[in-house]
Amino acid sequence: APNELLMKLARTTPYYKRNRAHICSFWVKGECKRGEECPYRHEMPTDPNDPLANQNIKDRYYGVDDPVAEKLLKRAAEMPKTDAASRQDHYYSVCRGPGRQ
């Protein structure tokens, strides 16, 4: 009986999406011959119009056209400022003055 309970509680899918198997490129083309025995996922890739679907590792490394960074910066800009952030802005505007770095 305890084994049945453990089997019911056991996770059947990976906890993190990044730990899932890659998408089967043959299945996407309609050419996968392995069927159920294929170790790769049989599902369509993400929306090609999604900017996160078209990432280049060199661009991400050098910070050029980085959709992940743009998404994070946009989210950070929408967040309300804390007292520390407003004090820092005040410091730069008062102590440094405009045009000074």
N, C-alpha and C. Protein backbone atom coordinates (compact mmCIF):
# COMPACT_ATOMS: atom_id res chain seq x y z
N ALA A 1 0.80 -1.20 0.00
CA ALA A 1 0.00 0.00 0.00
C ALA A 1 0.85 1.28 0.00
N PRO A 2 1.98 1.34 0.76
CA PRO A 2 2.77 2.57 0.73
C PRO A 2 3.34 2.86 -0.65
N ASN A 3 3.68 1.82 -1.40
CA ASN A 3 4.23 2.06 -2.73
C ASN A 3 3.20 2.71 -3.65
N GLU A 4 1.95 2.31 -3.53
CA GLU A 4 0.90 2.92 -4.35
C GLU A 4 0.73 4.39 -4.01
N LEU A 5 0.80 4.70 -2.71
CA LEU A 5 0.68 6.09 -2.29
C LEU A 5 1.85 6.92 -2.82
N LEU A 6 3.05 6.36 -2.75
CA LEU A 6 4.22 7.08 -3.28
C LEU A 6 4.10 7.28 -4.79
N MET A 7 3.59 6.28 -5.47
CA MET A 7 3.43 6.40 -6.93
C MET A 7 2.41 7.49 -7.28
N LYS A 8 1.37 7.62 -6.45
CA LYS A 8 0.38 8.67 -6.70
C LYS A 8 0.95 10.05 -6.44
N LEU A 9 1.83 10.14 -5.44
CA LEU A 9 2.42 11.44 -5.09
C LEU A 9 3.60 11.81 -5.97
N ALA A 10 4.20 10.84 -6.63
CA ALA A 10 5.39 11.10 -7.43
C ALA A 10 5.06 12.03 -8.59
N ARG A 11 5.99 12.90 -8.88
CA ARG A 11 5.83 13.84 -9.98
C ARG A 11 6.09 13.10 -11.29
N THR A 12 5.20 13.26 -12.25
CA THR A 12 5.37 12.57 -13.53
C THR A 12 5.98 13.48 -14.58
N THR A 13 5.99 14.76 -14.35
CA THR A 13 6.58 15.71 -15.30
C THR A 13 7.68 16.49 -14.60
N PRO A 14 8.64 17.01 -15.35
CA PRO A 14 9.71 17.80 -14.72
C PRO A 14 9.15 19.04 -14.04
N TYR A 15 9.75 19.39 -12.92
CA TYR A 15 9.29 20.55 -12.16
C TYR A 15 9.56 21.85 -12.92
N TYR A 16 10.73 21.96 -13.52
CA TYR A 16 11.09 23.16 -14.26
C TYR A 16 10.97 22.89 -15.76
N LYS A 17 10.49 23.87 -16.49
CA LYS A 17 10.37 23.70 -17.93
C LYS A 17 11.72 23.50 -18.59
N ARG A 18 12.76 24.10 -18.02
CA ARG A 18 14.08 23.98 -18.64
C ARG A 18 14.63 22.56 -18.55
N ASN A 19 14.08 21.73 -17.66
CA ASN A 19 14.54 20.35 -17.51
C ASN A 19 13.80 19.39 -18.43
N ARG A 20 12.83 19.90 -19.17
CA ARG A 20 12.09 19.02 -20.08
C ARG A 20 12.97 18.64 -21.27
N ALA A 21 12.59 17.56 -21.92
CA ALA A 21 13.31 17.14 -23.12
C ALA A 21 13.12 18.17 -24.23
N HIS A 22 14.04 18.20 -25.16
CA HIS A 22 13.94 19.12 -26.29
C HIS A 22 12.81 18.67 -27.22
N ILE A 23 12.37 19.57 -28.06
CA ILE A 23 11.32 19.25 -29.03
C ILE A 23 11.94 18.44 -30.17
N CYS A 24 11.25 17.41 -30.58
CA CYS A 24 11.73 16.53 -31.66
C CYS A 24 11.63 17.28 -32.99
N SER A 25 12.79 17.54 -33.58
CA SER A 25 12.79 18.29 -34.85
C SER A 25 12.19 17.45 -35.98
N PHE A 26 12.31 16.13 -35.89
CA PHE A 26 11.72 15.28 -36.92
C PHE A 26 10.19 15.28 -36.82
N TRP A 27 9.68 15.32 -35.58
CA TRP A 27 8.23 15.34 -35.39
C TRP A 27 7.63 16.64 -35.95
N VAL A 28 8.34 17.75 -35.75
CA VAL A 28 7.86 19.04 -36.26
C VAL A 28 7.72 18.98 -37.78
N LYS A 29 8.65 18.28 -38.44
CA LYS A 29 8.59 18.14 -39.90
C LYS A 29 7.65 17.01 -40.33
N GLY A 30 7.12 16.25 -39.34
CA GLY A 30 6.23 15.14 -39.66
C GLY A 30 6.98 13.89 -40.08
N GLU A 31 8.25 13.76 -39.64
CA GLU A 31 9.08 12.64 -40.10
C GLU A 31 9.57 11.74 -38.96
N CYS A 32 9.08 11.90 -37.73
CA CYS A 32 9.57 11.08 -36.62
C CYS A 32 8.99 9.67 -36.73
N LYS A 33 9.89 8.68 -36.71
CA LYS A 33 9.48 7.28 -36.85
C LYS A 33 9.48 6.55 -35.51
N ARG A 34 9.88 7.21 -34.41
CA ARG A 34 10.00 6.54 -33.12
C ARG A 34 8.68 6.46 -32.36
N GLY A 35 7.78 7.38 -32.60
CA GLY A 35 6.49 7.36 -31.93
C GLY A 35 6.61 7.53 -30.43
N GLU A 36 5.99 6.65 -29.67
CA GLU A 36 6.00 6.72 -28.20
C GLU A 36 7.38 6.50 -27.62
N GLU A 37 8.26 5.84 -28.33
CA GLU A 37 9.61 5.55 -27.82
C GLU A 37 10.57 6.72 -28.00
N CYS A 38 10.14 7.76 -28.68
CA CYS A 38 11.01 8.92 -28.92
C CYS A 38 11.28 9.64 -27.59
N PRO A 39 12.56 9.91 -27.28
CA PRO A 39 12.88 10.58 -26.01
C PRO A 39 12.61 12.08 -26.05
N TYR A 40 12.24 12.61 -27.20
CA TYR A 40 12.01 14.04 -27.33
C TYR A 40 10.53 14.35 -27.29
N ARG A 41 10.21 15.62 -27.03
CA ARG A 41 8.80 16.03 -26.93
C ARG A 41 8.18 16.14 -28.31
N HIS A 42 6.96 15.68 -28.41
CA HIS A 42 6.21 15.80 -29.66
C HIS A 42 5.17 16.89 -29.49
N GLU A 43 5.61 18.12 -29.64
CA GLU A 43 4.71 19.28 -29.59
C GLU A 43 5.31 20.38 -30.46
N MET A 44 4.45 21.26 -30.91
CA MET A 44 4.91 22.34 -31.78
C MET A 44 5.70 23.37 -30.97
N PRO A 45 6.73 23.95 -31.58
CA PRO A 45 7.50 24.98 -30.88
C PRO A 45 6.65 26.22 -30.59
N THR A 46 7.20 27.13 -29.81
CA THR A 46 6.48 28.34 -29.44
C THR A 46 6.16 29.20 -30.66
N ASP A 47 5.33 30.17 -30.45
CA ASP A 47 4.91 31.08 -31.51
C ASP A 47 6.13 31.75 -32.13
N PRO A 48 6.35 31.61 -33.44
CA PRO A 48 7.53 32.22 -34.07
C PRO A 48 7.52 33.75 -34.02
N ASN A 49 6.35 34.35 -33.80
CA ASN A 49 6.29 35.81 -33.70
C ASN A 49 6.70 36.31 -32.31
N ASP A 50 6.82 35.41 -31.35
CA ASP A 50 7.25 35.77 -30.00
C ASP A 50 8.73 36.14 -30.04
N PRO A 51 9.11 37.32 -29.55
CA PRO A 51 10.53 37.71 -29.63
C PRO A 51 11.44 36.79 -28.83
N LEU A 52 10.92 36.11 -27.81
CA LEU A 52 11.76 35.20 -27.04
C LEU A 52 12.06 33.91 -27.79
N ALA A 53 11.29 33.62 -28.84
CA ALA A 53 11.51 32.40 -29.62
C ALA A 53 12.70 32.55 -30.57
N ASN A 54 13.11 33.75 -30.86
CA ASN A 54 14.19 33.99 -31.82
C ASN A 54 15.36 34.64 -31.10
N GLN A 55 16.13 33.83 -30.38
CA GLN A 55 17.26 34.35 -29.62
C GLN A 55 18.57 33.86 -30.22
N ASN A 56 19.55 34.72 -30.23
CA ASN A 56 20.88 34.38 -30.70
C ASN A 56 21.82 34.48 -29.51
N ILE A 57 22.60 33.43 -29.24
CA ILE A 57 23.43 33.40 -28.04
C ILE A 57 24.50 34.50 -28.07
N LYS A 58 25.04 34.81 -29.25
CA LYS A 58 26.06 35.87 -29.33
C LYS A 58 25.44 37.23 -29.05
N ASP A 59 24.24 37.47 -29.59
CA ASP A 59 23.56 38.74 -29.32
C ASP A 59 23.26 38.88 -27.84
N ARG A 60 22.82 37.79 -27.22
CA ARG A 60 22.53 37.84 -25.78
C ARG A 60 23.80 38.12 -24.99
N TYR A 61 24.92 37.50 -25.39
CA TYR A 61 26.19 37.67 -24.68
C TYR A 61 26.66 39.12 -24.75
N TYR A 62 26.57 39.70 -25.94
CA TYR A 62 27.05 41.07 -26.13
C TYR A 62 25.98 42.12 -25.81
N GLY A 63 24.79 41.70 -25.48
CA GLY A 63 23.74 42.64 -25.11
C GLY A 63 23.13 43.36 -26.29
N VAL A 64 23.12 42.74 -27.44
CA VAL A 64 22.56 43.34 -28.65
C VAL A 64 21.25 42.62 -28.98
N ASP A 65 20.18 43.37 -29.15
CA ASP A 65 18.88 42.78 -29.49
C ASP A 65 18.54 41.63 -28.55
N ASP A 66 18.61 41.86 -27.26
CA ASP A 66 18.35 40.82 -26.27
C ASP A 66 16.90 40.91 -25.79
N PRO A 67 16.02 40.02 -26.28
CA PRO A 67 14.61 40.11 -25.91
C PRO A 67 14.37 39.82 -24.43
N VAL A 68 15.20 38.98 -23.82
CA VAL A 68 15.04 38.67 -22.41
C VAL A 68 15.35 39.90 -21.56
N ALA A 69 16.46 40.58 -21.89
CA ALA A 69 16.83 41.79 -21.15
C ALA A 69 15.77 42.88 -21.34
N GLU A 70 15.27 43.02 -22.55
CA GLU A 70 14.23 44.03 -22.80
C GLU A 70 12.98 43.74 -21.97
N LYS A 71 12.61 42.46 -21.88
CA LYS A 71 11.44 42.08 -21.09
C LYS A 71 11.65 42.39 -19.61
N LEU A 72 12.85 42.08 -19.09
CA LEU A 72 13.15 42.34 -17.68
C LEU A 72 13.20 43.84 -17.39
N LEU A 73 13.82 44.61 -18.28
CA LEU A 73 13.90 46.06 -18.08
C LEU A 73 12.54 46.71 -18.15
N LYS A 74 11.69 46.21 -19.04
CA LYS A 74 10.33 46.75 -19.14
C LYS A 74 9.56 46.47 -17.85
N ARG A 75 9.71 45.24 -17.33
CA ARG A 75 9.04 44.88 -16.09
C ARG A 75 9.56 45.72 -14.92
N ALA A 76 10.87 45.97 -14.89
CA ALA A 76 11.46 46.79 -13.81
C ALA A 76 10.99 48.24 -13.90
N ALA A 77 10.83 48.75 -15.11
CA ALA A 77 10.38 50.13 -15.28
C ALA A 77 8.94 50.31 -14.82
N GLU A 78 8.14 49.25 -14.94
CA GLU A 78 6.74 49.33 -14.55
C GLU A 78 6.53 49.19 -13.05
N MET A 79 7.56 48.72 -12.34
CA MET A 79 7.43 48.52 -10.90
C MET A 79 7.44 49.86 -10.18
N PRO A 80 6.70 49.97 -9.08
CA PRO A 80 6.75 51.23 -8.32
C PRO A 80 8.12 51.40 -7.67
N LYS A 81 8.56 52.64 -7.59
CA LYS A 81 9.87 52.91 -7.00
C LYS A 81 9.80 52.79 -5.48
N THR A 82 10.87 52.28 -4.91
CA THR A 82 10.97 52.20 -3.46
C THR A 82 11.56 53.50 -2.92
N ASP A 83 11.57 53.65 -1.62
CA ASP A 83 12.16 54.84 -1.02
C ASP A 83 13.64 54.95 -1.35
N ALA A 84 14.35 53.81 -1.36
CA ALA A 84 15.78 53.82 -1.66
C ALA A 84 16.03 54.31 -3.09
N ALA A 85 15.20 53.85 -4.04
CA ALA A 85 15.38 54.28 -5.43
C ALA A 85 15.08 55.76 -5.58
N SER A 86 14.06 56.26 -4.90
CA SER A 86 13.74 57.69 -5.02
C SER A 86 14.82 58.53 -4.34
N ARG A 87 15.39 58.04 -3.23
CA ARG A 87 16.50 58.77 -2.59
C ARG A 87 17.71 58.81 -3.50
N GLN A 88 17.98 57.72 -4.20
CA GLN A 88 19.11 57.69 -5.11
C GLN A 88 18.89 58.67 -6.27
N ASP A 89 17.68 58.69 -6.81
CA ASP A 89 17.38 59.66 -7.87
C ASP A 89 17.54 61.08 -7.36
N HIS A 90 17.08 61.33 -6.14
CA HIS A 90 17.20 62.65 -5.55
C HIS A 90 18.68 63.02 -5.38
N TYR A 91 19.50 62.06 -4.93
CA TYR A 91 20.92 62.31 -4.75
C TYR A 91 21.57 62.72 -6.07
N TYR A 92 21.29 61.97 -7.11
CA TYR A 92 21.91 62.28 -8.40
C TYR A 92 21.42 63.61 -8.95
N SER A 93 20.17 63.97 -8.70
CA SER A 93 19.67 65.24 -9.24
C SER A 93 20.18 66.43 -8.43
N VAL A 94 20.34 66.28 -7.11
CA VAL A 94 20.76 67.39 -6.26
C VAL A 94 22.27 67.51 -6.18
N CYS A 95 22.93 66.42 -5.84
CA CYS A 95 24.38 66.46 -5.61
C CYS A 95 25.19 66.51 -6.89
N ARG A 96 24.77 65.77 -7.87
CA ARG A 96 25.54 65.71 -9.10
C ARG A 96 25.15 66.81 -10.07
N GLY A 97 23.90 67.17 -10.05
CA GLY A 97 23.42 68.20 -10.97
C GLY A 97 23.23 67.65 -12.36
N PRO A 98 22.52 68.37 -13.20
CA PRO A 98 22.27 67.88 -14.56
C PRO A 98 23.56 67.90 -15.37
N GLY A 99 23.77 66.85 -16.16
CA GLY A 99 24.91 66.80 -17.05
C GLY A 99 26.19 66.29 -16.40
N ARG A 100 26.21 66.10 -15.12
CA ARG A 100 27.41 65.58 -14.45
C ARG A 100 27.27 64.07 -14.28
N GLN A 101 28.37 63.38 -14.33
CA GLN A 101 28.38 61.92 -14.16
C GLN A 101 29.12 61.53 -12.92
